[in-house]
Amino acid sequence: MVKETYMTNADSKVKITQVRSIIKCKQYQKDTIHALGLGRPNYAAVHTLNPQIQGMINVVKHLVKVESI
């Protein structure tokens, strides 16, 4: 398993794109997707990277694609 690390500057931003559906996912994963501002495949949101967002990304890493901006 490869652990991805992202720059953790105060100004680092990430673009999170949902690539898979949340059908048949556990409820806590669905809640995390909604908390990230996503909801359907190909929806994207830009967030400032902090420990809370990084934890959310780790929970749903199989459903999203993350790009540094």
N, C-alpha and C. Protein backbone atom coordinates (compact mmCIF):
# COMPACT_ATOMS: atom_id res chain seq x y z
N MET A 1 0.85 -1.17 0.00
CA MET A 1 0.00 0.00 0.00
C MET A 1 0.89 1.23 0.00
N VAL A 2 0.65 2.12 -0.95
CA VAL A 2 1.44 3.34 -1.06
C VAL A 2 0.69 4.46 -0.38
N LYS A 3 1.35 5.12 0.56
CA LYS A 3 0.73 6.23 1.26
C LYS A 3 1.07 7.52 0.52
N GLU A 4 0.05 8.21 0.06
CA GLU A 4 0.27 9.46 -0.65
C GLU A 4 0.39 10.59 0.35
N THR A 5 1.38 11.43 0.12
CA THR A 5 1.54 12.61 0.97
C THR A 5 1.40 13.83 0.10
N TYR A 6 0.83 14.84 0.63
CA TYR A 6 0.63 16.09 -0.07
C TYR A 6 1.35 17.18 0.68
N MET A 7 1.65 18.24 -0.04
CA MET A 7 2.31 19.37 0.60
C MET A 7 1.40 19.92 1.69
N THR A 8 1.97 20.23 2.82
CA THR A 8 1.15 20.69 3.94
C THR A 8 1.45 22.14 4.28
N ASN A 9 1.73 22.97 3.27
CA ASN A 9 1.92 24.40 3.52
C ASN A 9 0.61 24.98 4.01
N ALA A 10 0.69 26.18 4.53
CA ALA A 10 -0.53 26.86 4.97
C ALA A 10 -1.42 27.20 3.77
N ASP A 11 -0.81 27.36 2.59
CA ASP A 11 -1.57 27.76 1.41
C ASP A 11 -1.85 26.62 0.44
N SER A 12 -1.48 25.39 0.77
CA SER A 12 -1.66 24.31 -0.19
C SER A 12 -3.14 23.97 -0.32
N LYS A 13 -3.56 23.83 -1.55
CA LYS A 13 -4.95 23.49 -1.84
C LYS A 13 -4.97 22.21 -2.64
N VAL A 14 -6.05 21.48 -2.50
CA VAL A 14 -6.23 20.24 -3.26
C VAL A 14 -7.59 20.27 -3.94
N LYS A 15 -7.63 19.69 -5.13
CA LYS A 15 -8.89 19.52 -5.85
C LYS A 15 -9.29 18.06 -5.67
N ILE A 16 -10.47 17.85 -5.12
CA ILE A 16 -10.97 16.50 -4.86
C ILE A 16 -12.11 16.24 -5.83
N THR A 17 -11.98 15.19 -6.63
CA THR A 17 -12.99 14.83 -7.61
C THR A 17 -13.53 13.45 -7.29
N GLN A 18 -14.83 13.33 -7.21
CA GLN A 18 -15.44 12.03 -6.96
C GLN A 18 -15.44 11.24 -8.26
N VAL A 19 -14.91 10.02 -8.24
CA VAL A 19 -14.83 9.22 -9.46
C VAL A 19 -15.71 7.97 -9.42
N ARG A 20 -16.20 7.61 -8.23
CA ARG A 20 -17.07 6.44 -8.11
C ARG A 20 -18.33 6.80 -7.35
N SER A 21 -19.37 6.05 -7.58
CA SER A 21 -20.65 6.27 -6.92
C SER A 21 -20.59 5.81 -5.47
N ILE A 22 -21.48 6.39 -4.65
CA ILE A 22 -21.54 6.00 -3.25
C ILE A 22 -22.62 4.95 -2.98
N ILE A 23 -23.21 4.41 -4.05
CA ILE A 23 -24.18 3.34 -3.89
C ILE A 23 -23.46 2.12 -3.30
N LYS A 24 -24.08 1.48 -2.35
CA LYS A 24 -23.54 0.31 -1.64
C LYS A 24 -22.32 0.63 -0.79
N CYS A 25 -22.11 1.89 -0.45
CA CYS A 25 -21.04 2.26 0.48
C CYS A 25 -21.63 2.36 1.88
N LYS A 26 -20.77 2.30 2.86
CA LYS A 26 -21.22 2.43 4.24
C LYS A 26 -21.66 3.87 4.51
N GLN A 27 -22.53 4.04 5.48
CA GLN A 27 -23.12 5.35 5.76
C GLN A 27 -22.06 6.39 6.12
N TYR A 28 -21.03 6.01 6.88
CA TYR A 28 -20.01 6.99 7.25
C TYR A 28 -19.22 7.47 6.04
N GLN A 29 -19.09 6.62 5.01
CA GLN A 29 -18.42 7.05 3.78
C GLN A 29 -19.31 8.02 3.00
N LYS A 30 -20.60 7.76 2.96
CA LYS A 30 -21.54 8.67 2.30
C LYS A 30 -21.53 10.03 2.99
N ASP A 31 -21.53 10.02 4.31
CA ASP A 31 -21.49 11.27 5.07
C ASP A 31 -20.21 12.05 4.80
N THR A 32 -19.09 11.34 4.67
CA THR A 32 -17.82 12.00 4.40
C THR A 32 -17.82 12.63 3.02
N ILE A 33 -18.37 11.94 2.03
CA ILE A 33 -18.46 12.50 0.67
C ILE A 33 -19.28 13.78 0.69
N HIS A 34 -20.40 13.79 1.39
CA HIS A 34 -21.23 14.99 1.47
C HIS A 34 -20.53 16.10 2.24
N ALA A 35 -19.77 15.75 3.27
CA ALA A 35 -19.03 16.76 4.04
C ALA A 35 -17.94 17.40 3.19
N LEU A 36 -17.42 16.67 2.22
CA LEU A 36 -16.40 17.23 1.32
C LEU A 36 -17.02 18.10 0.22
N GLY A 37 -18.34 18.13 0.15
CA GLY A 37 -19.01 18.95 -0.87
C GLY A 37 -19.20 18.22 -2.18
N LEU A 38 -19.15 16.90 -2.14
CA LEU A 38 -19.34 16.08 -3.34
C LEU A 38 -20.69 15.40 -3.23
N GLY A 39 -21.02 14.55 -4.16
CA GLY A 39 -22.29 13.86 -4.07
C GLY A 39 -22.57 12.96 -5.25
N ARG A 40 -21.99 13.28 -6.39
CA ARG A 40 -22.19 12.47 -7.58
C ARG A 40 -20.85 12.33 -8.29
N PRO A 41 -20.66 11.26 -9.05
CA PRO A 41 -19.40 11.14 -9.80
C PRO A 41 -19.16 12.35 -10.70
N ASN A 42 -17.91 12.73 -10.80
CA ASN A 42 -17.41 13.87 -11.58
C ASN A 42 -17.68 15.21 -10.92
N TYR A 43 -18.22 15.24 -9.72
CA TYR A 43 -18.30 16.49 -8.96
C TYR A 43 -16.92 16.76 -8.36
N ALA A 44 -16.55 18.02 -8.27
CA ALA A 44 -15.24 18.38 -7.73
C ALA A 44 -15.39 19.50 -6.71
N ALA A 45 -14.45 19.55 -5.79
CA ALA A 45 -14.41 20.60 -4.78
C ALA A 45 -12.95 20.92 -4.48
N VAL A 46 -12.69 22.19 -4.17
CA VAL A 46 -11.35 22.61 -3.81
C VAL A 46 -11.33 22.94 -2.33
N HIS A 47 -10.37 22.37 -1.62
CA HIS A 47 -10.24 22.58 -0.18
C HIS A 47 -8.80 22.93 0.16
N THR A 48 -8.63 23.70 1.22
CA THR A 48 -7.31 23.92 1.79
C THR A 48 -6.94 22.66 2.56
N LEU A 49 -5.74 22.17 2.32
CA LEU A 49 -5.34 20.92 2.95
C LEU A 49 -4.97 21.15 4.40
N ASN A 50 -5.67 20.45 5.29
CA ASN A 50 -5.38 20.47 6.72
C ASN A 50 -5.60 19.06 7.24
N PRO A 51 -5.28 18.77 8.48
CA PRO A 51 -5.42 17.40 8.97
C PRO A 51 -6.84 16.84 8.88
N GLN A 52 -7.85 17.69 9.04
CA GLN A 52 -9.23 17.21 8.96
C GLN A 52 -9.57 16.76 7.55
N ILE A 53 -9.23 17.57 6.56
CA ILE A 53 -9.51 17.21 5.16
C ILE A 53 -8.70 15.99 4.77
N GLN A 54 -7.45 15.92 5.21
CA GLN A 54 -6.61 14.77 4.89
C GLN A 54 -7.20 13.49 5.46
N GLY A 55 -7.77 13.56 6.66
CA GLY A 55 -8.43 12.39 7.25
C GLY A 55 -9.66 11.97 6.47
N MET A 56 -10.44 12.96 6.01
CA MET A 56 -11.62 12.64 5.19
C MET A 56 -11.22 11.97 3.89
N ILE A 57 -10.13 12.47 3.27
CA ILE A 57 -9.65 11.88 2.03
C ILE A 57 -9.25 10.43 2.27
N ASN A 58 -8.60 10.14 3.39
CA ASN A 58 -8.19 8.77 3.68
C ASN A 58 -9.38 7.83 3.84
N VAL A 59 -10.49 8.34 4.35
CA VAL A 59 -11.68 7.50 4.55
C VAL A 59 -12.29 7.09 3.21
N VAL A 60 -12.27 7.98 2.22
CA VAL A 60 -12.93 7.70 0.94
C VAL A 60 -11.95 7.70 -0.23
N LYS A 61 -10.71 7.29 0.03
CA LYS A 61 -9.68 7.34 -1.01
C LYS A 61 -10.00 6.45 -2.21
N HIS A 62 -10.83 5.44 -2.04
CA HIS A 62 -11.21 4.57 -3.15
C HIS A 62 -12.32 5.17 -4.00
N LEU A 63 -12.91 6.27 -3.56
CA LEU A 63 -14.01 6.90 -4.29
C LEU A 63 -13.61 8.22 -4.94
N VAL A 64 -12.46 8.77 -4.59
CA VAL A 64 -12.08 10.10 -5.05
C VAL A 64 -10.70 10.10 -5.69
N LYS A 65 -10.45 11.17 -6.46
CA LYS A 65 -9.14 11.45 -7.03
C LYS A 65 -8.70 12.78 -6.48
N VAL A 66 -7.46 12.89 -6.02
CA VAL A 66 -6.95 14.10 -5.39
C VAL A 66 -5.81 14.66 -6.21
N GLU A 67 -5.87 15.97 -6.50
CA GLU A 67 -4.82 16.65 -7.24
C GLU A 67 -4.37 17.86 -6.46
N SER A 68 -3.08 18.10 -6.41
CA SER A 68 -2.57 19.32 -5.78
C SER A 68 -2.76 20.48 -6.73
N ILE A 69 -3.09 21.63 -6.18
CA ILE A 69 -3.25 22.84 -7.00
C ILE A 69 -2.13 23.82 -6.66
